[in-house]
Amino acid sequence: MTPAKKGDAPPEAQRPPYEQARDELAELVKRLEAGGLTLEQSLQLWERGERLATVCSEWLEGARARLAEAMAQRAESNDPEAPF
């Protein structure tokens, strides 16, 4: 799938949790791979999949940023007992 534009992402309040978006995306892929859909149905599923892929990417980017921040804080504190 090609990346969607940043402006296509749903507002934070409407963004599903990562696991929900991932599971729905996996289900859409199964439906598309199974075939038997009209062109219009396939396009609608593809578009929804693009939006879900963007949501998943945003969640993962946020998780990476949080992890990097936690690791940087630990390095700054130089505390071997600190988490991460």
C-alpha atoms as a PDB file:
ATOM      1  CA  MET A   1       0.000   0.000   0.000  1.00  0.00           C
ATOM      2  CA  THR A   2       1.191   3.486  -0.678  1.00  0.00           C
ATOM      3  CA  PRO A   3       1.440   5.840   2.276  1.00  0.00           C
ATOM      4  CA  ALA A   4      -1.540   8.095   2.792  1.00  0.00           C
ATOM      5  CA  LYS A   5      -1.102  11.804   3.238  1.00  0.00           C
ATOM      6  CA  LYS A   6      -0.722  13.103   6.791  1.00  0.00           C
ATOM      7  CA  GLY A   7      -3.902  15.129   6.346  1.00  0.00           C
ATOM      8  CA  ASP A   8      -5.835  11.888   5.736  1.00  0.00           C
ATOM      9  CA  ALA A   9      -5.349  10.670   9.305  1.00  0.00           C
ATOM     10  CA  PRO A  10      -8.376  10.735  11.571  1.00  0.00           C
ATOM     11  CA  PRO A  11      -8.378  13.170  14.493  1.00  0.00           C
ATOM     12  CA  GLU A  12      -6.896  11.755  17.687  1.00  0.00           C
ATOM     13  CA  ALA A  13     -10.327  11.316  19.285  1.00  0.00           C
ATOM     14  CA  GLN A  14     -11.512   9.206  16.337  1.00  0.00           C
ATOM     15  CA  ARG A  15      -8.329   7.160  15.920  1.00  0.00           C
ATOM     16  CA  PRO A  16      -8.845   3.513  16.862  1.00  0.00           C
ATOM     17  CA  PRO A  17      -6.352   1.771  19.141  1.00  0.00           C
ATOM     18  CA  TYR A  18      -3.389   0.193  17.362  1.00  0.00           C
ATOM     19  CA  GLU A  19      -4.573  -3.375  17.907  1.00  0.00           C
ATOM     20  CA  GLN A  20      -8.040  -2.646  16.557  1.00  0.00           C
ATOM     21  CA  ALA A  21      -6.664  -0.921  13.463  1.00  0.00           C
ATOM     22  CA  ARG A  22      -4.161  -3.739  12.870  1.00  0.00           C
ATOM     23  CA  ASP A  23      -6.816  -6.442  13.209  1.00  0.00           C
ATOM     24  CA  GLU A  24      -9.251  -4.628  10.918  1.00  0.00           C
ATOM     25  CA  LEU A  25      -6.499  -4.098   8.367  1.00  0.00           C
ATOM     26  CA  ALA A  26      -5.629  -7.804   8.428  1.00  0.00           C
ATOM     27  CA  GLU A  27      -9.303  -8.661   7.891  1.00  0.00           C
ATOM     28  CA  LEU A  28      -9.534  -6.261   4.948  1.00  0.00           C
ATOM     29  CA  VAL A  29      -6.491  -7.870   3.353  1.00  0.00           C
ATOM     30  CA  LYS A  30      -8.099 -11.311   3.704  1.00  0.00           C
ATOM     31  CA  ARG A  31     -11.298 -10.073   2.079  1.00  0.00           C
ATOM     32  CA  LEU A  32      -9.411  -8.483  -0.799  1.00  0.00           C
ATOM     33  CA  GLU A  33      -7.288 -11.601  -1.324  1.00  0.00           C
ATOM     34  CA  ALA A  34     -10.366 -13.839  -1.304  1.00  0.00           C
ATOM     35  CA  GLY A  35     -11.759 -11.969  -4.307  1.00  0.00           C
ATOM     36  CA  GLY A  36     -15.358 -12.061  -5.421  1.00  0.00           C
ATOM     37  CA  LEU A  37     -15.871  -8.356  -4.755  1.00  0.00           C
ATOM     38  CA  THR A  38     -17.017  -5.734  -7.188  1.00  0.00           C
ATOM     39  CA  LEU A  39     -14.528  -3.133  -8.294  1.00  0.00           C
ATOM     40  CA  GLU A  40     -16.292  -0.535  -6.153  1.00  0.00           C
ATOM     41  CA  GLN A  41     -16.190  -2.783  -3.070  1.00  0.00           C
ATOM     42  CA  SER A  42     -12.512  -3.504  -3.649  1.00  0.00           C
ATOM     43  CA  LEU A  43     -11.736   0.200  -3.956  1.00  0.00           C
ATOM     44  CA  GLN A  44     -13.630   1.012  -0.778  1.00  0.00           C
ATOM     45  CA  LEU A  45     -11.771  -1.693   1.132  1.00  0.00           C
ATOM     46  CA  TRP A  46      -8.449  -0.524  -0.304  1.00  0.00           C
ATOM     47  CA  GLU A  47      -9.132   3.068   0.750  1.00  0.00           C
ATOM     48  CA  ARG A  48     -10.112   1.955   4.252  1.00  0.00           C
ATOM     49  CA  GLY A  49      -6.962  -0.156   4.380  1.00  0.00           C
ATOM     50  CA  GLU A  50      -4.851   2.856   3.457  1.00  0.00           C
ATOM     51  CA  ARG A  51      -6.377   4.845   6.324  1.00  0.00           C
ATOM     52  CA  LEU A  52      -5.839   1.970   8.760  1.00  0.00           C
ATOM     53  CA  ALA A  53      -2.229   1.544   7.626  1.00  0.00           C
ATOM     54  CA  THR A  54      -1.670   5.243   8.341  1.00  0.00           C
ATOM     55  CA  VAL A  55      -3.182   4.865  11.812  1.00  0.00           C
ATOM     56  CA  CYS A  56      -0.939   1.878  12.543  1.00  0.00           C
ATOM     57  CA  SER A  57       2.132   3.763  11.329  1.00  0.00           C
ATOM     58  CA  GLU A  58       1.288   6.734  13.523  1.00  0.00           C
ATOM     59  CA  TRP A  59       0.886   4.506  16.582  1.00  0.00           C
ATOM     60  CA  LEU A  60       4.216   2.806  15.884  1.00  0.00           C
ATOM     61  CA  GLU A  61       5.994   6.122  15.300  1.00  0.00           C
ATOM     62  CA  GLY A  62       4.611   7.386  18.611  1.00  0.00           C
ATOM     63  CA  ALA A  63       5.758   4.249  20.408  1.00  0.00           C
ATOM     64  CA  ARG A  64       9.253   4.611  18.940  1.00  0.00           C
ATOM     65  CA  ALA A  65       9.400   8.232  20.058  1.00  0.00           C
ATOM     66  CA  ARG A  66       8.290   7.336  23.588  1.00  0.00           C
ATOM     67  CA  LEU A  67      10.858   4.561  23.798  1.00  0.00           C
ATOM     68  CA  ALA A  68      13.625   6.838  22.518  1.00  0.00           C
ATOM     69  CA  GLU A  69      12.645   9.467  25.077  1.00  0.00           C
ATOM     70  CA  ALA A  70      12.694   6.943  27.923  1.00  0.00           C
ATOM     71  CA  MET A  71      16.089   5.651  26.823  1.00  0.00           C
ATOM     72  CA  ALA A  72      17.458   9.195  26.570  1.00  0.00           C
ATOM     73  CA  GLN A  73      16.192  10.028  30.058  1.00  0.00           C
ATOM     74  CA  ARG A  74      17.855   6.914  31.428  1.00  0.00           C
ATOM     75  CA  ALA A  75      21.115   7.782  29.706  1.00  0.00           C
ATOM     76  CA  GLU A  76      20.957  11.323  31.099  1.00  0.00           C
ATOM     77  CA  SER A  77      20.272  10.114  34.608  1.00  0.00           C
ATOM     78  CA  ASN A  78      23.003   7.477  34.299  1.00  0.00           C
ATOM     79  CA  ASP A  79      20.984   5.446  36.812  1.00  0.00           C
ATOM     80  CA  PRO A  80      21.515   1.706  36.242  1.00  0.00           C
ATOM     81  CA  GLU A  81      18.327   0.972  38.223  1.00  0.00           C
ATOM     82  CA  ALA A  82      16.123   3.155  36.011  1.00  0.00           C
ATOM     83  CA  PRO A  83      13.673   1.307  33.777  1.00  0.00           C
ATOM     84  CA  PHE A  84      14.827   0.872  30.180  1.00  0.00           C
END
